[in-house]
């Protein structure tokens, strides 16, 4: 068993977020099947670009004036869904999503997504199919 404390994890600044990976490739707890980590979105790192995964679950740890938008493509995201502490979100395969916030707001999450072999996924990604 690996017992990992968030405060001990390296903070990696990326455009639109700060990531702390706990489980997965190049993480303190190695896994080829899953990725688990923390992400913080705020003005400090600027706006996030919409993105997608094969499938993802997210739990809202803390939020102030934050929301999520999701949809079938990066250019067609739906209405704001206000976030609340304790919410769990599930993004199905290839659903585009983005976390956003008002001035002085932020979104703090823990994320989970699979790294297993997804037959056909990478070919669909290259061809733009869903």
N, C-alpha and C. Protein backbone atom coordinates (compact mmCIF):
# COMPACT_ATOMS: atom_id res chain seq x y z
N UNK A 1 0.85 -1.18 0.00
CA UNK A 1 0.00 0.00 0.00
C UNK A 1 0.89 1.24 0.00
N UNK A 2 0.46 2.23 -0.73
CA UNK A 2 1.11 3.53 -0.72
C UNK A 2 0.20 4.51 0.00
N UNK A 3 0.74 5.22 0.97
CA UNK A 3 -0.01 6.27 1.67
C UNK A 3 0.64 7.61 1.29
N UNK A 4 -0.14 8.45 0.63
CA UNK A 4 0.40 9.68 0.05
C UNK A 4 -0.33 10.88 0.61
N UNK A 5 0.42 11.86 1.08
CA UNK A 5 -0.17 13.11 1.57
C UNK A 5 -0.03 14.18 0.49
N UNK A 6 -1.10 14.91 0.26
CA UNK A 6 -1.09 15.92 -0.78
C UNK A 6 0.04 16.93 -0.57
N UNK A 7 0.24 17.35 0.64
CA UNK A 7 1.25 18.38 0.91
C UNK A 7 2.67 17.92 0.57
N UNK A 8 2.88 16.61 0.43
CA UNK A 8 4.20 16.09 0.07
C UNK A 8 4.39 15.97 -1.45
N UNK A 9 3.33 16.17 -2.21
CA UNK A 9 3.41 16.00 -3.67
C UNK A 9 3.98 17.24 -4.34
N UNK A 10 4.77 17.01 -5.38
CA UNK A 10 5.33 18.10 -6.17
C UNK A 10 4.20 18.85 -6.88
N UNK A 11 4.30 20.18 -6.88
CA UNK A 11 3.34 21.03 -7.59
C UNK A 11 3.92 21.34 -8.97
N UNK A 12 3.18 20.94 -10.00
CA UNK A 12 3.61 21.16 -11.37
C UNK A 12 2.69 22.22 -11.98
N UNK A 13 3.27 23.37 -12.32
CA UNK A 13 2.51 24.45 -12.93
C UNK A 13 2.36 24.19 -14.42
N UNK A 14 1.13 24.15 -14.87
CA UNK A 14 0.80 23.99 -16.27
C UNK A 14 -0.09 25.15 -16.69
N UNK A 15 -0.23 25.40 -17.98
CA UNK A 15 -1.16 26.47 -18.38
C UNK A 15 -2.57 26.19 -17.85
N UNK A 16 -3.09 27.11 -17.06
CA UNK A 16 -4.44 26.99 -16.55
C UNK A 16 -4.63 26.20 -15.28
N UNK A 17 -3.55 25.63 -14.71
CA UNK A 17 -3.73 24.82 -13.50
C UNK A 17 -2.40 24.45 -12.86
N UNK A 18 -2.50 24.03 -11.60
CA UNK A 18 -1.38 23.42 -10.88
C UNK A 18 -1.80 21.99 -10.58
N UNK A 19 -0.98 21.04 -11.00
CA UNK A 19 -1.28 19.61 -10.85
C UNK A 19 -0.35 18.99 -9.80
N UNK A 20 -0.90 18.06 -9.04
CA UNK A 20 -0.12 17.23 -8.12
C UNK A 20 -0.53 15.78 -8.37
N UNK A 21 0.31 15.01 -9.04
CA UNK A 21 0.00 13.62 -9.34
C UNK A 21 0.37 12.73 -8.17
N UNK A 22 -0.56 11.85 -7.79
CA UNK A 22 -0.32 10.93 -6.68
C UNK A 22 -0.14 9.50 -7.17
N UNK A 23 -0.96 9.09 -8.15
CA UNK A 23 -0.93 7.72 -8.67
C UNK A 23 -0.89 7.78 -10.19
N UNK A 24 -0.03 6.96 -10.79
CA UNK A 24 0.02 6.90 -12.25
C UNK A 24 1.45 6.89 -12.75
N UNK A 25 1.60 7.12 -14.03
CA UNK A 25 2.93 7.18 -14.64
C UNK A 25 3.69 8.36 -14.06
N UNK A 26 4.94 8.15 -13.74
CA UNK A 26 5.81 9.20 -13.19
C UNK A 26 5.20 9.87 -11.96
N UNK A 27 4.61 9.06 -11.08
CA UNK A 27 3.99 9.53 -9.85
C UNK A 27 4.58 8.77 -8.66
N UNK A 28 4.39 9.26 -7.44
CA UNK A 28 4.90 8.54 -6.27
C UNK A 28 4.39 7.09 -6.19
N UNK A 29 3.13 6.86 -6.51
CA UNK A 29 2.58 5.51 -6.57
C UNK A 29 2.42 5.16 -8.05
N UNK A 30 3.28 4.28 -8.54
CA UNK A 30 3.29 3.93 -9.95
C UNK A 30 2.08 3.08 -10.33
N UNK A 31 1.46 3.41 -11.47
CA UNK A 31 0.37 2.61 -12.00
C UNK A 31 0.31 2.78 -13.50
N UNK A 32 0.07 1.70 -14.21
CA UNK A 32 -0.14 1.77 -15.66
C UNK A 32 -1.63 1.69 -15.98
N UNK A 33 -2.47 1.60 -14.96
CA UNK A 33 -3.90 1.44 -15.16
C UNK A 33 -4.73 2.68 -14.83
N UNK A 34 -4.20 3.56 -13.98
CA UNK A 34 -4.99 4.71 -13.55
C UNK A 34 -4.11 5.90 -13.23
N UNK A 35 -4.74 7.07 -13.24
CA UNK A 35 -4.09 8.30 -12.81
C UNK A 35 -5.00 8.97 -11.79
N UNK A 36 -4.41 9.36 -10.67
CA UNK A 36 -5.13 10.07 -9.62
C UNK A 36 -4.27 11.25 -9.20
N UNK A 37 -4.89 12.38 -9.03
CA UNK A 37 -4.13 13.54 -8.60
C UNK A 37 -5.04 14.69 -8.22
N UNK A 38 -4.39 15.79 -7.91
CA UNK A 38 -5.09 17.00 -7.49
C UNK A 38 -4.83 18.09 -8.52
N UNK A 39 -5.79 18.98 -8.68
CA UNK A 39 -5.61 20.12 -9.58
C UNK A 39 -6.24 21.35 -8.95
N UNK A 40 -5.58 22.48 -9.14
CA UNK A 40 -6.08 23.76 -8.63
C UNK A 40 -6.12 24.74 -9.79
N UNK A 41 -7.28 25.33 -10.02
CA UNK A 41 -7.50 26.29 -11.10
C UNK A 41 -7.78 27.65 -10.49
N UNK A 42 -7.01 28.67 -10.90
CA UNK A 42 -7.22 30.02 -10.37
C UNK A 42 -6.54 31.04 -11.28
N UNK A 43 -6.70 32.30 -10.96
CA UNK A 43 -6.07 33.38 -11.74
C UNK A 43 -4.55 33.23 -11.78
N UNK A 44 -3.99 32.60 -10.77
CA UNK A 44 -2.53 32.42 -10.67
C UNK A 44 -1.94 31.77 -11.91
N UNK A 45 -2.67 30.80 -12.49
CA UNK A 45 -2.16 30.10 -13.67
C UNK A 45 -2.90 30.47 -14.95
N UNK A 46 -3.88 31.34 -14.85
CA UNK A 46 -4.62 31.77 -16.03
C UNK A 46 -5.71 30.81 -16.42
N UNK A 47 -6.44 31.13 -17.50
CA UNK A 47 -7.56 30.29 -17.90
C UNK A 47 -7.12 28.93 -18.42
N UNK A 48 -7.96 27.97 -18.21
CA UNK A 48 -7.72 26.60 -18.67
C UNK A 48 -8.31 26.43 -20.06
N UNK A 49 -7.67 25.62 -20.88
CA UNK A 49 -8.23 25.26 -22.19
C UNK A 49 -9.16 24.05 -22.01
N UNK A 50 -10.26 23.98 -22.75
CA UNK A 50 -11.10 22.78 -22.70
C UNK A 50 -10.26 21.55 -23.06
N UNK A 51 -10.59 20.42 -22.45
CA UNK A 51 -9.85 19.18 -22.70
C UNK A 51 -10.79 18.00 -22.55
N UNK A 52 -10.28 16.81 -22.84
CA UNK A 52 -11.07 15.58 -22.72
C UNK A 52 -10.16 14.42 -22.34
N UNK A 53 -10.79 13.37 -21.82
CA UNK A 53 -10.11 12.12 -21.48
C UNK A 53 -10.96 10.98 -22.01
N UNK A 54 -10.43 9.77 -21.93
CA UNK A 54 -11.23 8.61 -22.29
C UNK A 54 -12.46 8.57 -21.39
N UNK A 55 -12.27 8.83 -20.11
CA UNK A 55 -13.34 8.92 -19.12
C UNK A 55 -12.68 9.52 -17.88
N UNK A 56 -13.43 10.31 -17.12
CA UNK A 56 -12.84 10.93 -15.94
C UNK A 56 -13.90 11.15 -14.88
N UNK A 57 -13.50 11.01 -13.63
CA UNK A 57 -14.32 11.38 -12.48
C UNK A 57 -13.54 12.43 -11.70
N UNK A 58 -14.27 13.41 -11.16
CA UNK A 58 -13.66 14.52 -10.43
C UNK A 58 -14.48 14.76 -9.17
N UNK A 59 -13.81 14.99 -8.07
CA UNK A 59 -14.49 15.35 -6.82
C UNK A 59 -14.06 16.77 -6.45
N UNK A 60 -15.03 17.63 -6.15
CA UNK A 60 -14.75 19.02 -5.80
C UNK A 60 -14.36 19.09 -4.33
N UNK A 61 -13.10 19.46 -4.08
CA UNK A 61 -12.60 19.59 -2.71
C UNK A 61 -12.88 20.97 -2.13
N UNK A 62 -12.75 22.00 -2.96
CA UNK A 62 -12.99 23.38 -2.53
C UNK A 62 -13.29 24.21 -3.76
N UNK A 63 -14.09 25.23 -3.61
CA UNK A 63 -14.46 26.07 -4.74
C UNK A 63 -14.96 27.42 -4.22
N UNK A 64 -14.65 28.45 -4.98
CA UNK A 64 -15.22 29.78 -4.72
C UNK A 64 -15.50 30.39 -6.10
N UNK A 65 -16.75 30.70 -6.34
CA UNK A 65 -17.18 31.34 -7.59
C UNK A 65 -16.70 30.54 -8.82
N UNK A 66 -16.84 29.22 -8.77
CA UNK A 66 -16.37 28.38 -9.86
C UNK A 66 -17.47 27.55 -10.48
N UNK A 67 -17.24 27.13 -11.71
CA UNK A 67 -18.20 26.32 -12.45
C UNK A 67 -17.48 25.45 -13.46
N UNK A 68 -18.22 24.56 -14.08
CA UNK A 68 -17.71 23.71 -15.16
C UNK A 68 -18.66 23.86 -16.34
N UNK A 69 -18.10 23.74 -17.53
CA UNK A 69 -18.89 23.66 -18.76
C UNK A 69 -18.42 22.43 -19.51
N UNK A 70 -19.34 21.74 -20.18
CA UNK A 70 -18.96 20.55 -20.94
C UNK A 70 -19.81 20.45 -22.19
N UNK A 71 -19.32 19.65 -23.14
CA UNK A 71 -20.06 19.48 -24.38
C UNK A 71 -19.36 18.56 -25.35
N UNK A 72 -19.91 18.47 -26.59
CA UNK A 72 -19.40 17.52 -27.57
C UNK A 72 -18.10 17.93 -28.25
N UNK A 73 -17.74 19.23 -28.16
CA UNK A 73 -16.48 19.67 -28.76
C UNK A 73 -15.96 20.88 -27.98
N UNK A 74 -14.71 21.22 -28.19
CA UNK A 74 -14.10 22.33 -27.47
C UNK A 74 -14.78 23.65 -27.80
N UNK A 75 -15.41 23.74 -28.98
CA UNK A 75 -16.07 24.96 -29.41
C UNK A 75 -17.57 24.96 -29.13
N UNK A 76 -18.09 23.88 -28.59
CA UNK A 76 -19.52 23.77 -28.30
C UNK A 76 -19.73 23.25 -26.89
N UNK A 77 -19.40 24.09 -25.91
CA UNK A 77 -19.60 23.74 -24.51
C UNK A 77 -20.92 24.32 -24.04
N UNK A 78 -21.56 23.62 -23.14
CA UNK A 78 -22.87 24.04 -22.65
C UNK A 78 -22.79 25.14 -21.61
N UNK A 79 -23.92 25.34 -20.96
CA UNK A 79 -24.06 26.38 -19.94
C UNK A 79 -23.21 26.06 -18.71
N UNK A 80 -22.96 27.09 -17.93
CA UNK A 80 -22.23 26.93 -16.68
C UNK A 80 -23.01 26.04 -15.70
N UNK A 81 -22.29 25.13 -15.08
CA UNK A 81 -22.86 24.34 -13.99
C UNK A 81 -22.09 24.76 -12.73
N UNK A 82 -22.75 25.50 -11.82
CA UNK A 82 -22.07 25.95 -10.61
C UNK A 82 -21.58 24.76 -9.79
N UNK A 83 -20.36 24.89 -9.26
CA UNK A 83 -19.76 23.81 -8.47
C UNK A 83 -19.95 24.07 -6.99
N UNK A 84 -20.07 22.98 -6.24
CA UNK A 84 -20.18 23.03 -4.78
C UNK A 84 -19.23 22.02 -4.17
N UNK A 85 -18.70 22.34 -3.01
CA UNK A 85 -17.84 21.42 -2.28
C UNK A 85 -18.60 20.10 -2.07
N UNK A 86 -17.93 19.00 -2.33
CA UNK A 86 -18.53 17.68 -2.12
C UNK A 86 -19.16 17.08 -3.36
N UNK A 87 -19.31 17.85 -4.44
CA UNK A 87 -19.87 17.31 -5.68
C UNK A 87 -18.88 16.33 -6.31
N UNK A 88 -19.42 15.30 -6.95
CA UNK A 88 -18.61 14.41 -7.77
C UNK A 88 -19.15 14.50 -9.19
N UNK A 89 -18.25 14.69 -10.14
CA UNK A 89 -18.62 14.81 -11.54
C UNK A 89 -18.07 13.62 -12.31
N UNK A 90 -18.83 13.13 -13.26
CA UNK A 90 -18.38 12.07 -14.14
C UNK A 90 -18.46 12.58 -15.57
N UNK A 91 -17.34 12.56 -16.28
CA UNK A 91 -17.29 12.95 -17.67
C UNK A 91 -17.17 11.68 -18.50
N UNK A 92 -18.19 11.36 -19.30
CA UNK A 92 -18.11 10.16 -20.12
C UNK A 92 -17.03 10.26 -21.19
N UNK A 93 -16.81 9.18 -21.88
CA UNK A 93 -15.76 9.09 -22.88
C UNK A 93 -15.80 10.27 -23.85
N UNK A 94 -14.66 10.96 -23.95
CA UNK A 94 -14.41 12.04 -24.91
C UNK A 94 -15.23 13.31 -24.69
N UNK A 95 -15.93 13.45 -23.57
CA UNK A 95 -16.69 14.68 -23.34
C UNK A 95 -15.73 15.82 -23.02
N UNK A 96 -15.81 16.89 -23.78
CA UNK A 96 -14.98 18.07 -23.56
C UNK A 96 -15.47 18.79 -22.32
N UNK A 97 -14.54 19.33 -21.52
CA UNK A 97 -14.93 20.08 -20.33
C UNK A 97 -13.85 21.09 -19.96
N UNK A 98 -14.28 22.08 -19.18
CA UNK A 98 -13.36 23.12 -18.74
C UNK A 98 -13.85 23.65 -17.39
N UNK A 99 -12.92 23.88 -16.47
CA UNK A 99 -13.23 24.49 -15.18
C UNK A 99 -12.92 25.98 -15.28
N UNK A 100 -13.86 26.81 -14.81
CA UNK A 100 -13.70 28.26 -14.88
C UNK A 100 -14.14 28.88 -13.56
N UNK A 101 -13.89 30.18 -13.42
CA UNK A 101 -14.16 30.86 -12.15
C UNK A 101 -14.22 32.36 -12.42
N UNK A 102 -14.89 33.07 -11.50
CA UNK A 102 -14.93 34.53 -11.55
C UNK A 102 -13.67 35.10 -10.92
N UNK A 103 -13.50 36.39 -11.02
CA UNK A 103 -12.35 37.07 -10.41
C UNK A 103 -12.26 36.68 -8.94
N UNK A 104 -11.06 36.37 -8.50
CA UNK A 104 -10.76 35.93 -7.14
C UNK A 104 -11.39 34.58 -6.79
N UNK A 105 -11.87 33.88 -7.78
CA UNK A 105 -12.42 32.55 -7.55
C UNK A 105 -11.38 31.47 -7.81
N UNK A 106 -11.75 30.23 -7.55
CA UNK A 106 -10.87 29.09 -7.79
C UNK A 106 -11.68 27.81 -7.76
N UNK A 107 -11.09 26.74 -8.27
CA UNK A 107 -11.66 25.40 -8.22
C UNK A 107 -10.53 24.47 -7.81
N UNK A 108 -10.76 23.62 -6.82
CA UNK A 108 -9.77 22.68 -6.31
C UNK A 108 -10.39 21.28 -6.36
N UNK A 109 -9.74 20.35 -7.07
CA UNK A 109 -10.34 19.03 -7.29
C UNK A 109 -9.35 17.90 -7.03
N UNK A 110 -9.90 16.70 -6.94
CA UNK A 110 -9.14 15.47 -7.07
C UNK A 110 -9.70 14.77 -8.30
N UNK A 111 -8.83 14.29 -9.18
CA UNK A 111 -9.28 13.67 -10.43
C UNK A 111 -8.83 12.22 -10.51
N UNK A 112 -9.62 11.45 -11.27
CA UNK A 112 -9.37 10.03 -11.46
C UNK A 112 -9.65 9.71 -12.93
N UNK A 113 -8.68 9.13 -13.62
CA UNK A 113 -8.98 8.63 -14.96
C UNK A 113 -8.12 7.41 -15.26
N UNK A 114 -8.63 6.56 -16.14
CA UNK A 114 -7.98 5.30 -16.45
C UNK A 114 -6.86 5.45 -17.46
N UNK A 115 -5.88 4.56 -17.38
CA UNK A 115 -4.76 4.52 -18.32
C UNK A 115 -4.72 3.20 -19.05
N UNK A 116 -5.73 2.38 -18.88
CA UNK A 116 -5.72 1.06 -19.49
C UNK A 116 -5.84 1.12 -21.00
N UNK A 117 -5.71 -0.03 -21.63
CA UNK A 117 -5.83 -0.13 -23.09
C UNK A 117 -7.28 0.11 -23.49
N UNK A 118 -7.50 1.12 -24.29
CA UNK A 118 -8.83 1.47 -24.76
C UNK A 118 -8.89 1.19 -26.25
N UNK A 119 -9.36 0.00 -26.67
CA UNK A 119 -9.35 -0.36 -28.09
C UNK A 119 -10.03 0.71 -28.95
N UNK A 120 -9.34 1.13 -29.99
CA UNK A 120 -9.90 2.08 -30.93
C UNK A 120 -9.84 3.53 -30.51
N UNK A 121 -9.58 3.82 -29.24
CA UNK A 121 -9.62 5.20 -28.76
C UNK A 121 -8.64 6.10 -29.49
N UNK A 122 -7.38 5.69 -29.57
CA UNK A 122 -6.37 6.55 -30.17
C UNK A 122 -6.59 6.73 -31.67
N UNK A 123 -7.09 5.69 -32.34
CA UNK A 123 -7.42 5.84 -33.76
C UNK A 123 -8.56 6.83 -33.96
N UNK A 124 -9.58 6.78 -33.09
CA UNK A 124 -10.69 7.74 -33.18
C UNK A 124 -10.19 9.15 -32.92
N UNK A 125 -9.27 9.31 -31.96
CA UNK A 125 -8.75 10.64 -31.65
C UNK A 125 -8.02 11.23 -32.86
N UNK A 126 -7.21 10.41 -33.52
CA UNK A 126 -6.47 10.90 -34.69
C UNK A 126 -7.38 11.30 -35.83
N UNK A 127 -8.49 10.56 -36.00
CA UNK A 127 -9.40 10.83 -37.11
C UNK A 127 -10.48 11.84 -36.76
N UNK A 128 -10.56 12.25 -35.48
CA UNK A 128 -11.57 13.21 -35.06
C UNK A 128 -12.94 12.61 -34.79
N UNK A 129 -13.05 11.27 -34.78
CA UNK A 129 -14.32 10.62 -34.51
C UNK A 129 -14.59 10.59 -33.03
N UNK A 130 -15.85 10.42 -32.67
CA UNK A 130 -16.24 10.31 -31.26
C UNK A 130 -16.60 8.90 -30.92
